[in-house]
Amino acid sequence: MKPAIADGHVVTIHYRLTLDDGSIADQSTGGEPLVYLHGAQNIVPGLERQLAGKKIGDQCDVVVPANEGYGEYDPAADQTVPKTQFPPNVDLQVGMAFQTRARTGQPMTVWVRAIKGDQVTISANHPMAGQRLNFHVEVVDVRRATPDEKKHGHAHGPGGHHHH
């Protein structure tokens, strides 16, 4: 009896993520599948929800609306700052992510959205915010999570416990 994907299972998938314009935004590259702990918010909520109940060998196409993916686009999360706010040795590129601190002191990630002269537009919106996500998924493996994995909230690789 093959287990079906459910909370507390470690799931191995191959996936390809395309956006509505047909561009490939992400995929399990180089033959390395994605391994995640189901029910631990390791992947976007809409994908996790729709993979529940699938079994090894299943292939499916999953469409995730923005609000179940990287969130709706919030224009208020964009701000323009002078280039001088960035380290001088950084070759700024659109799409780069930076760790910064929110007003509350919480660490947060911002992405460079645009660079115009000395002005840089940064955004707390994920680059794929507001986009519908189209996943093609193949389920490679499903197994019960170990007590350690459940405690840590993520899957451990075949070689044991690694934190990147």
N, C-alpha and C. Protein backbone atom coordinates (compact mmCIF):
# COMPACT_ATOMS: atom_id res chain seq x y z
N MET A 1 0.85 -1.20 0.00
CA MET A 1 0.00 0.00 0.00
C MET A 1 0.89 1.25 0.00
N LYS A 2 0.86 2.00 -1.07
CA LYS A 2 1.68 3.22 -1.14
C LYS A 2 1.03 4.31 -0.31
N PRO A 3 1.83 4.98 0.53
CA PRO A 3 1.22 6.08 1.29
C PRO A 3 0.84 7.23 0.37
N ALA A 4 -0.23 7.93 0.71
CA ALA A 4 -0.62 9.13 -0.02
C ALA A 4 -0.03 10.33 0.72
N ILE A 5 0.18 11.40 -0.02
CA ILE A 5 0.74 12.60 0.59
C ILE A 5 -0.22 13.15 1.64
N ALA A 6 0.30 13.34 2.85
CA ALA A 6 -0.48 13.91 3.95
C ALA A 6 0.48 14.62 4.90
N ASP A 7 -0.08 15.40 5.83
CA ASP A 7 0.76 16.09 6.81
C ASP A 7 1.65 15.07 7.52
N GLY A 8 2.92 15.45 7.74
CA GLY A 8 3.83 14.55 8.44
C GLY A 8 4.54 13.57 7.53
N HIS A 9 4.34 13.72 6.21
CA HIS A 9 5.07 12.88 5.26
C HIS A 9 6.18 13.71 4.61
N VAL A 10 7.30 13.05 4.33
CA VAL A 10 8.35 13.67 3.54
C VAL A 10 8.11 13.29 2.09
N VAL A 11 8.00 14.31 1.25
CA VAL A 11 7.61 14.10 -0.14
C VAL A 11 8.75 14.54 -1.05
N THR A 12 9.02 13.72 -2.07
CA THR A 12 10.02 14.04 -3.07
C THR A 12 9.32 14.27 -4.39
N ILE A 13 9.51 15.45 -4.98
CA ILE A 13 8.86 15.75 -6.26
C ILE A 13 9.86 16.33 -7.26
N HIS A 14 9.56 16.07 -8.52
CA HIS A 14 10.18 16.84 -9.59
C HIS A 14 9.13 17.85 -10.01
N TYR A 15 9.54 19.08 -10.29
CA TYR A 15 8.54 20.06 -10.68
C TYR A 15 9.10 21.05 -11.69
N ARG A 16 8.17 21.64 -12.43
CA ARG A 16 8.50 22.76 -13.31
C ARG A 16 7.45 23.83 -13.05
N LEU A 17 7.91 25.05 -12.80
CA LEU A 17 6.99 26.15 -12.53
C LEU A 17 7.04 27.12 -13.70
N THR A 18 5.89 27.32 -14.35
CA THR A 18 5.84 28.32 -15.42
C THR A 18 4.85 29.41 -15.03
N LEU A 19 5.09 30.60 -15.54
CA LEU A 19 4.18 31.73 -15.33
C LEU A 19 3.24 31.79 -16.52
N ASP A 20 2.23 32.66 -16.43
CA ASP A 20 1.23 32.72 -17.50
C ASP A 20 1.81 33.14 -18.84
N ASP A 21 2.97 33.82 -18.83
CA ASP A 21 3.57 34.21 -20.12
C ASP A 21 4.38 33.05 -20.73
N GLY A 22 4.36 31.89 -20.04
CA GLY A 22 5.04 30.71 -20.59
C GLY A 22 6.48 30.58 -20.14
N SER A 23 7.01 31.60 -19.42
CA SER A 23 8.41 31.52 -18.99
C SER A 23 8.53 30.53 -17.83
N ILE A 24 9.66 29.82 -17.81
CA ILE A 24 9.92 28.89 -16.71
C ILE A 24 10.55 29.69 -15.57
N ALA A 25 9.85 29.76 -14.45
CA ALA A 25 10.31 30.57 -13.32
C ALA A 25 11.23 29.75 -12.41
N ASP A 26 11.00 28.45 -12.37
CA ASP A 26 11.77 27.61 -11.45
C ASP A 26 11.53 26.16 -11.85
N GLN A 27 12.50 25.32 -11.57
CA GLN A 27 12.29 23.88 -11.78
C GLN A 27 13.30 23.11 -10.96
N SER A 28 12.98 21.83 -10.72
CA SER A 28 13.95 21.01 -10.00
C SER A 28 15.05 20.72 -11.02
N THR A 29 16.20 21.32 -10.78
CA THR A 29 17.24 21.34 -11.82
C THR A 29 18.27 20.24 -11.63
N GLY A 30 18.91 19.91 -12.71
CA GLY A 30 20.01 18.96 -12.67
C GLY A 30 19.62 17.60 -12.14
N GLY A 31 18.35 17.26 -12.30
CA GLY A 31 17.90 15.94 -11.87
C GLY A 31 17.74 15.82 -10.37
N GLU A 32 18.01 16.91 -9.62
CA GLU A 32 17.85 16.87 -8.16
C GLU A 32 16.41 17.22 -7.83
N PRO A 33 15.66 16.29 -7.27
CA PRO A 33 14.28 16.61 -6.94
C PRO A 33 14.19 17.49 -5.70
N LEU A 34 13.01 18.04 -5.47
CA LEU A 34 12.75 18.82 -4.27
C LEU A 34 12.19 17.88 -3.21
N VAL A 35 12.75 17.94 -2.01
CA VAL A 35 12.27 17.12 -0.90
C VAL A 35 11.71 18.08 0.15
N TYR A 36 10.46 17.87 0.56
CA TYR A 36 9.88 18.77 1.55
C TYR A 36 9.02 17.99 2.54
N LEU A 37 8.78 18.63 3.69
CA LEU A 37 7.93 18.03 4.72
C LEU A 37 6.52 18.59 4.55
N HIS A 38 5.57 17.71 4.23
CA HIS A 38 4.20 18.16 3.96
C HIS A 38 3.54 18.63 5.25
N GLY A 39 2.87 19.78 5.16
CA GLY A 39 2.16 20.31 6.32
C GLY A 39 3.01 21.27 7.13
N ALA A 40 4.26 21.52 6.72
CA ALA A 40 5.14 22.38 7.50
C ALA A 40 5.42 23.72 6.79
N GLN A 41 4.58 24.06 5.81
CA GLN A 41 4.75 25.32 5.06
C GLN A 41 6.14 25.44 4.43
N ASN A 42 6.69 24.32 3.96
CA ASN A 42 7.98 24.36 3.27
C ASN A 42 7.82 24.86 1.83
N ILE A 43 6.61 24.74 1.28
CA ILE A 43 6.36 25.15 -0.11
C ILE A 43 5.12 26.06 -0.12
N VAL A 44 4.84 26.69 -1.26
CA VAL A 44 3.70 27.62 -1.29
C VAL A 44 2.41 26.87 -0.94
N PRO A 45 1.51 27.54 -0.18
CA PRO A 45 0.32 26.87 0.37
C PRO A 45 -0.57 26.21 -0.68
N GLY A 46 -0.76 26.87 -1.82
CA GLY A 46 -1.67 26.32 -2.83
C GLY A 46 -1.16 25.02 -3.43
N LEU A 47 0.17 24.92 -3.59
CA LEU A 47 0.75 23.69 -4.13
C LEU A 47 0.63 22.58 -3.09
N GLU A 48 0.96 22.91 -1.84
CA GLU A 48 0.89 21.93 -0.77
C GLU A 48 -0.53 21.36 -0.66
N ARG A 49 -1.51 22.26 -0.68
CA ARG A 49 -2.92 21.85 -0.54
C ARG A 49 -3.32 20.88 -1.66
N GLN A 50 -2.88 21.21 -2.89
CA GLN A 50 -3.34 20.40 -4.03
C GLN A 50 -2.54 19.11 -4.22
N LEU A 51 -1.41 18.99 -3.53
CA LEU A 51 -0.65 17.73 -3.63
C LEU A 51 -1.14 16.69 -2.63
N ALA A 52 -1.91 17.13 -1.63
CA ALA A 52 -2.42 16.18 -0.62
C ALA A 52 -3.19 15.06 -1.31
N GLY A 53 -2.91 13.83 -0.88
CA GLY A 53 -3.63 12.68 -1.44
C GLY A 53 -2.98 12.06 -2.66
N LYS A 54 -1.99 12.75 -3.25
CA LYS A 54 -1.29 12.17 -4.42
C LYS A 54 -0.36 11.05 -3.96
N LYS A 55 -0.02 10.16 -4.90
CA LYS A 55 0.83 9.02 -4.57
C LYS A 55 2.06 8.97 -5.48
N ILE A 56 3.01 8.11 -5.10
CA ILE A 56 4.23 7.94 -5.90
C ILE A 56 3.84 7.59 -7.33
N GLY A 57 4.48 8.26 -8.28
CA GLY A 57 4.22 8.00 -9.69
C GLY A 57 3.18 8.93 -10.28
N ASP A 58 2.40 9.61 -9.42
CA ASP A 58 1.40 10.54 -9.94
C ASP A 58 2.09 11.72 -10.62
N GLN A 59 1.51 12.16 -11.74
CA GLN A 59 1.94 13.41 -12.36
C GLN A 59 0.73 14.30 -12.42
N CYS A 60 0.91 15.57 -12.13
CA CYS A 60 -0.25 16.45 -12.16
C CYS A 60 0.16 17.86 -12.52
N ASP A 61 -0.81 18.59 -13.03
CA ASP A 61 -0.63 20.00 -13.30
C ASP A 61 -1.43 20.75 -12.25
N VAL A 62 -0.78 21.64 -11.54
CA VAL A 62 -1.40 22.35 -10.43
C VAL A 62 -1.32 23.85 -10.72
N VAL A 63 -2.47 24.50 -10.71
CA VAL A 63 -2.51 25.95 -10.90
C VAL A 63 -2.76 26.59 -9.54
N VAL A 64 -1.84 27.47 -9.14
CA VAL A 64 -1.93 28.12 -7.83
C VAL A 64 -2.19 29.61 -8.03
N PRO A 65 -3.34 30.12 -7.56
CA PRO A 65 -3.60 31.56 -7.68
C PRO A 65 -2.62 32.34 -6.80
N ALA A 66 -2.41 33.60 -7.13
CA ALA A 66 -1.42 34.42 -6.41
C ALA A 66 -1.62 34.41 -4.90
N ASN A 67 -2.90 34.45 -4.45
CA ASN A 67 -3.12 34.54 -3.00
C ASN A 67 -2.75 33.26 -2.27
N GLU A 68 -2.54 32.15 -3.00
CA GLU A 68 -2.07 30.91 -2.38
C GLU A 68 -0.62 30.61 -2.77
N GLY A 69 -0.03 31.56 -3.47
CA GLY A 69 1.37 31.40 -3.90
C GLY A 69 2.25 32.36 -3.12
N TYR A 70 2.73 33.39 -3.82
CA TYR A 70 3.61 34.37 -3.18
C TYR A 70 2.87 35.63 -2.77
N GLY A 71 1.54 35.55 -2.75
CA GLY A 71 0.74 36.68 -2.28
C GLY A 71 0.37 37.65 -3.39
N GLU A 72 -0.63 38.47 -3.11
CA GLU A 72 -1.02 39.50 -4.06
C GLU A 72 0.07 40.56 -4.09
N TYR A 73 0.12 41.31 -5.18
CA TYR A 73 1.13 42.37 -5.29
C TYR A 73 0.66 43.58 -4.49
N ASP A 74 1.49 44.04 -3.58
CA ASP A 74 1.15 45.20 -2.75
C ASP A 74 2.03 46.39 -3.14
N PRO A 75 1.45 47.36 -3.87
CA PRO A 75 2.25 48.51 -4.32
C PRO A 75 2.86 49.29 -3.15
N ALA A 76 2.23 49.24 -1.99
CA ALA A 76 2.74 49.96 -0.82
C ALA A 76 4.05 49.36 -0.32
N ALA A 77 4.37 48.15 -0.76
CA ALA A 77 5.60 47.48 -0.31
C ALA A 77 6.81 47.89 -1.16
N ASP A 78 6.58 48.76 -2.15
CA ASP A 78 7.68 49.24 -2.99
C ASP A 78 8.17 50.59 -2.47
N GLN A 79 9.47 50.80 -2.49
CA GLN A 79 9.98 52.13 -2.18
C GLN A 79 11.24 52.40 -2.99
N THR A 80 11.48 53.66 -3.25
CA THR A 80 12.66 54.05 -4.02
C THR A 80 13.67 54.69 -3.06
N VAL A 81 14.90 54.20 -3.13
CA VAL A 81 15.96 54.68 -2.24
C VAL A 81 17.18 55.05 -3.08
N PRO A 82 18.03 55.93 -2.56
CA PRO A 82 19.25 56.25 -3.30
C PRO A 82 20.22 55.06 -3.29
N LYS A 83 20.96 54.93 -4.37
CA LYS A 83 21.93 53.84 -4.52
C LYS A 83 22.93 53.82 -3.37
N THR A 84 23.16 54.98 -2.76
CA THR A 84 24.15 55.08 -1.68
C THR A 84 23.76 54.24 -0.46
N GLN A 85 22.49 53.79 -0.39
CA GLN A 85 22.08 52.95 0.73
C GLN A 85 22.60 51.51 0.61
N PHE A 86 23.16 51.18 -0.55
CA PHE A 86 23.67 49.81 -0.75
C PHE A 86 25.18 49.81 -0.59
N PRO A 87 25.75 48.66 -0.22
CA PRO A 87 27.21 48.60 -0.11
C PRO A 87 27.84 48.98 -1.45
N PRO A 88 28.91 49.79 -1.42
CA PRO A 88 29.50 50.31 -2.66
C PRO A 88 30.08 49.22 -3.57
N ASN A 89 30.44 48.07 -2.98
CA ASN A 89 31.08 47.02 -3.80
C ASN A 89 30.06 46.09 -4.46
N VAL A 90 28.78 46.35 -4.28
CA VAL A 90 27.76 45.45 -4.84
C VAL A 90 27.38 45.90 -6.25
N ASP A 91 27.44 44.96 -7.20
CA ASP A 91 27.01 45.23 -8.56
C ASP A 91 25.50 45.01 -8.60
N LEU A 92 24.73 46.08 -8.39
CA LEU A 92 23.28 45.98 -8.27
C LEU A 92 22.64 45.47 -9.57
N GLN A 93 21.76 44.50 -9.43
CA GLN A 93 21.03 43.97 -10.58
C GLN A 93 19.56 43.85 -10.20
N VAL A 94 18.68 44.05 -11.17
CA VAL A 94 17.25 43.84 -10.93
C VAL A 94 17.04 42.37 -10.58
N GLY A 95 16.25 42.11 -9.55
CA GLY A 95 15.99 40.74 -9.14
C GLY A 95 16.81 40.29 -7.95
N MET A 96 17.86 41.06 -7.61
CA MET A 96 18.68 40.70 -6.45
C MET A 96 17.88 40.81 -5.17
N ALA A 97 18.16 39.92 -4.23
CA ALA A 97 17.50 39.97 -2.93
C ALA A 97 18.47 40.47 -1.87
N PHE A 98 17.98 41.27 -0.95
CA PHE A 98 18.77 41.76 0.18
C PHE A 98 18.03 41.50 1.47
N GLN A 99 18.78 41.16 2.51
CA GLN A 99 18.19 41.07 3.85
C GLN A 99 18.26 42.45 4.47
N THR A 100 17.16 42.89 5.05
CA THR A 100 17.16 44.17 5.73
C THR A 100 16.32 44.01 6.99
N ARG A 101 16.14 45.08 7.72
CA ARG A 101 15.29 45.01 8.91
C ARG A 101 14.06 45.87 8.72
N ALA A 102 12.92 45.33 9.08
CA ALA A 102 11.69 46.11 9.04
C ALA A 102 11.72 47.12 10.19
N ARG A 103 10.79 48.06 10.16
CA ARG A 103 10.73 49.06 11.24
C ARG A 103 10.61 48.38 12.60
N THR A 104 9.98 47.23 12.62
CA THR A 104 9.80 46.49 13.88
C THR A 104 11.07 45.79 14.32
N GLY A 105 12.10 45.82 13.46
CA GLY A 105 13.35 45.15 13.80
C GLY A 105 13.41 43.72 13.29
N GLN A 106 12.28 43.23 12.75
CA GLN A 106 12.25 41.87 12.20
C GLN A 106 13.07 41.82 10.92
N PRO A 107 13.84 40.71 10.70
CA PRO A 107 14.54 40.61 9.41
C PRO A 107 13.52 40.41 8.29
N MET A 108 13.76 41.04 7.17
CA MET A 108 12.88 40.85 6.01
C MET A 108 13.72 40.90 4.74
N THR A 109 13.17 40.30 3.69
CA THR A 109 13.86 40.28 2.41
C THR A 109 13.23 41.32 1.50
N VAL A 110 14.06 42.07 0.80
CA VAL A 110 13.56 42.97 -0.24
C VAL A 110 14.27 42.63 -1.55
N TRP A 111 13.58 42.88 -2.63
CA TRP A 111 14.12 42.60 -3.96
C TRP A 111 14.28 43.90 -4.73
N VAL A 112 15.33 43.97 -5.54
CA VAL A 112 15.53 45.13 -6.41
C VAL A 112 14.59 44.98 -7.61
N ARG A 113 13.69 45.96 -7.78
CA ARG A 113 12.73 45.90 -8.89
C ARG A 113 13.18 46.72 -10.09
N ALA A 114 13.84 47.84 -9.83
CA ALA A 114 14.24 48.73 -10.93
C ALA A 114 15.43 49.58 -10.48
N ILE A 115 16.24 49.95 -11.45
CA ILE A 115 17.37 50.84 -11.18
C ILE A 115 17.32 51.95 -12.23
N LYS A 116 17.17 53.19 -11.76
CA LYS A 116 17.15 54.34 -12.68
C LYS A 116 18.16 55.35 -12.19
N GLY A 117 19.28 55.46 -12.88
CA GLY A 117 20.30 56.41 -12.45
C GLY A 117 20.76 56.07 -11.04
N ASP A 118 20.62 57.04 -10.13
CA ASP A 118 21.05 56.82 -8.75
C ASP A 118 19.92 56.33 -7.86
N GLN A 119 18.76 56.10 -8.46
CA GLN A 119 17.59 55.68 -7.68
C GLN A 119 17.33 54.18 -7.87
N VAL A 120 17.10 53.50 -6.76
CA VAL A 120 16.83 52.06 -6.81
C VAL A 120 15.46 51.80 -6.20
N THR A 121 14.61 51.13 -6.95
CA THR A 121 13.30 50.75 -6.41
C THR A 121 13.42 49.36 -5.82
N ILE A 122 13.13 49.28 -4.51
CA ILE A 122 13.15 47.99 -3.84
C ILE A 122 11.73 47.64 -3.43
N SER A 123 11.49 46.35 -3.24
CA SER A 123 10.15 45.91 -2.92
C SER A 123 10.18 44.73 -1.96
N ALA A 124 9.26 44.73 -1.01
CA ALA A 124 9.11 43.57 -0.13
C ALA A 124 8.23 42.52 -0.79
N ASN A 125 7.64 42.85 -1.97
CA ASN A 125 6.88 41.85 -2.72
C ASN A 125 7.85 40.83 -3.29
N HIS A 126 7.51 39.54 -3.16
CA HIS A 126 8.30 38.50 -3.82
C HIS A 126 8.22 38.77 -5.33
N PRO A 127 9.31 38.48 -6.08
CA PRO A 127 9.26 38.73 -7.53
C PRO A 127 8.07 38.06 -8.23
N MET A 128 7.56 36.97 -7.65
CA MET A 128 6.42 36.30 -8.28
C MET A 128 5.09 36.64 -7.60
N ALA A 129 5.10 37.68 -6.75
CA ALA A 129 3.84 38.12 -6.13
C ALA A 129 2.87 38.57 -7.22
N GLY A 130 1.60 38.29 -7.01
CA GLY A 130 0.59 38.71 -7.97
C GLY A 130 0.50 37.84 -9.21
N GLN A 131 1.34 36.81 -9.29
CA GLN A 131 1.34 35.96 -10.47
C GLN A 131 0.69 34.62 -10.17
N ARG A 132 -0.02 34.11 -11.18
CA ARG A 132 -0.54 32.75 -11.08
C ARG A 132 0.61 31.80 -11.36
N LEU A 133 0.71 30.75 -10.55
CA LEU A 133 1.81 29.80 -10.68
C LEU A 133 1.29 28.50 -11.28
N ASN A 134 1.94 28.05 -12.34
CA ASN A 134 1.52 26.82 -13.02
C ASN A 134 2.58 25.76 -12.82
N PHE A 135 2.28 24.79 -11.98
CA PHE A 135 3.25 23.74 -11.67
C PHE A 135 2.93 22.47 -12.44
N HIS A 136 3.97 21.84 -12.98
CA HIS A 136 3.83 20.45 -13.44
C HIS A 136 4.65 19.63 -12.46
N VAL A 137 4.01 18.67 -11.81
CA VAL A 137 4.65 17.95 -10.72
C VAL A 137 4.62 16.45 -10.97
N GLU A 138 5.73 15.80 -10.65
CA GLU A 138 5.77 14.34 -10.64
C GLU A 138 6.19 13.91 -9.24
N VAL A 139 5.37 13.06 -8.62
CA VAL A 139 5.67 12.60 -7.26
C VAL A 139 6.63 11.41 -7.35
N VAL A 140 7.82 11.58 -6.76
CA VAL A 140 8.86 10.57 -6.85
C VAL A 140 8.84 9.63 -5.64
N ASP A 141 8.61 10.22 -4.45
CA ASP A 141 8.63 9.40 -3.24
C ASP A 141 7.78 10.03 -2.15
N VAL A 142 7.20 9.19 -1.32
CA VAL A 142 6.44 9.64 -0.15
C VAL A 142 6.79 8.70 0.99
N ARG A 143 7.20 9.26 2.12
CA ARG A 143 7.48 8.42 3.29
C ARG A 143 7.10 9.18 4.55
N ARG A 144 6.96 8.43 5.64
CA ARG A 144 6.67 9.10 6.91
C ARG A 144 7.90 9.88 7.38
N ALA A 145 7.67 11.04 7.95
CA ALA A 145 8.77 11.84 8.48
C ALA A 145 9.29 11.21 9.76
N THR A 146 10.58 11.36 10.02
CA THR A 146 11.16 10.89 11.28
C THR A 146 10.77 11.88 12.38
N PRO A 147 10.85 11.47 13.64
CA PRO A 147 10.53 12.39 14.73
C PRO A 147 11.39 13.66 14.67
N ASP A 148 12.66 13.50 14.30
CA ASP A 148 13.56 14.66 14.17
C ASP A 148 13.07 15.63 13.12
N GLU A 149 12.67 15.09 11.98
CA GLU A 149 12.20 15.94 10.89
C GLU A 149 10.95 16.71 11.32
N LYS A 150 10.05 16.01 12.02
CA LYS A 150 8.84 16.67 12.48
C LYS A 150 9.19 17.80 13.46
N LYS A 151 10.14 17.53 14.34
CA LYS A 151 10.55 18.51 15.34
C LYS A 151 11.15 19.75 14.67
N HIS A 152 12.00 19.52 13.66
CA HIS A 152 12.68 20.63 12.99
C HIS A 152 11.81 21.32 11.94
N GLY A 153 10.74 20.67 11.53
CA GLY A 153 9.83 21.30 10.58
C GLY A 153 10.28 21.27 9.13
N HIS A 154 11.25 20.39 8.83
CA HIS A 154 11.67 20.24 7.43
C HIS A 154 12.30 18.87 7.23
N ALA A 155 12.39 18.45 5.97
CA ALA A 155 12.97 17.15 5.64
C ALA A 155 14.48 17.19 5.79
N HIS A 156 15.06 16.08 6.18
CA HIS A 156 16.52 15.95 6.22
C HIS A 156 16.94 15.11 5.03
N GLY A 157 18.08 15.44 4.47
CA GLY A 157 18.55 14.73 3.28
C GLY A 157 18.94 13.29 3.60
N PRO A 158 19.21 12.52 2.55
CA PRO A 158 19.59 11.12 2.72
C PRO A 158 20.79 10.97 3.64
N GLY A 159 21.69 11.98 3.66
CA GLY A 159 22.88 11.89 4.51
C GLY A 159 22.65 12.36 5.93
N GLY A 160 21.39 12.48 6.36
CA GLY A 160 21.14 12.94 7.72
C GLY A 160 20.79 14.39 7.77
N HIS A 161 21.30 15.07 8.78
CA HIS A 161 20.80 16.40 9.11
C HIS A 161 21.72 17.49 8.60
N HIS A 162 21.24 18.31 7.67
CA HIS A 162 22.02 19.44 7.17
C HIS A 162 21.18 20.68 7.24
N HIS A 163 21.74 21.77 7.74
CA HIS A 163 21.09 23.07 7.63
C HIS A 163 21.93 23.90 6.70
N HIS A 164 21.27 24.50 5.70
CA HIS A 164 22.04 25.35 4.76
C HIS A 164 22.02 26.78 5.23
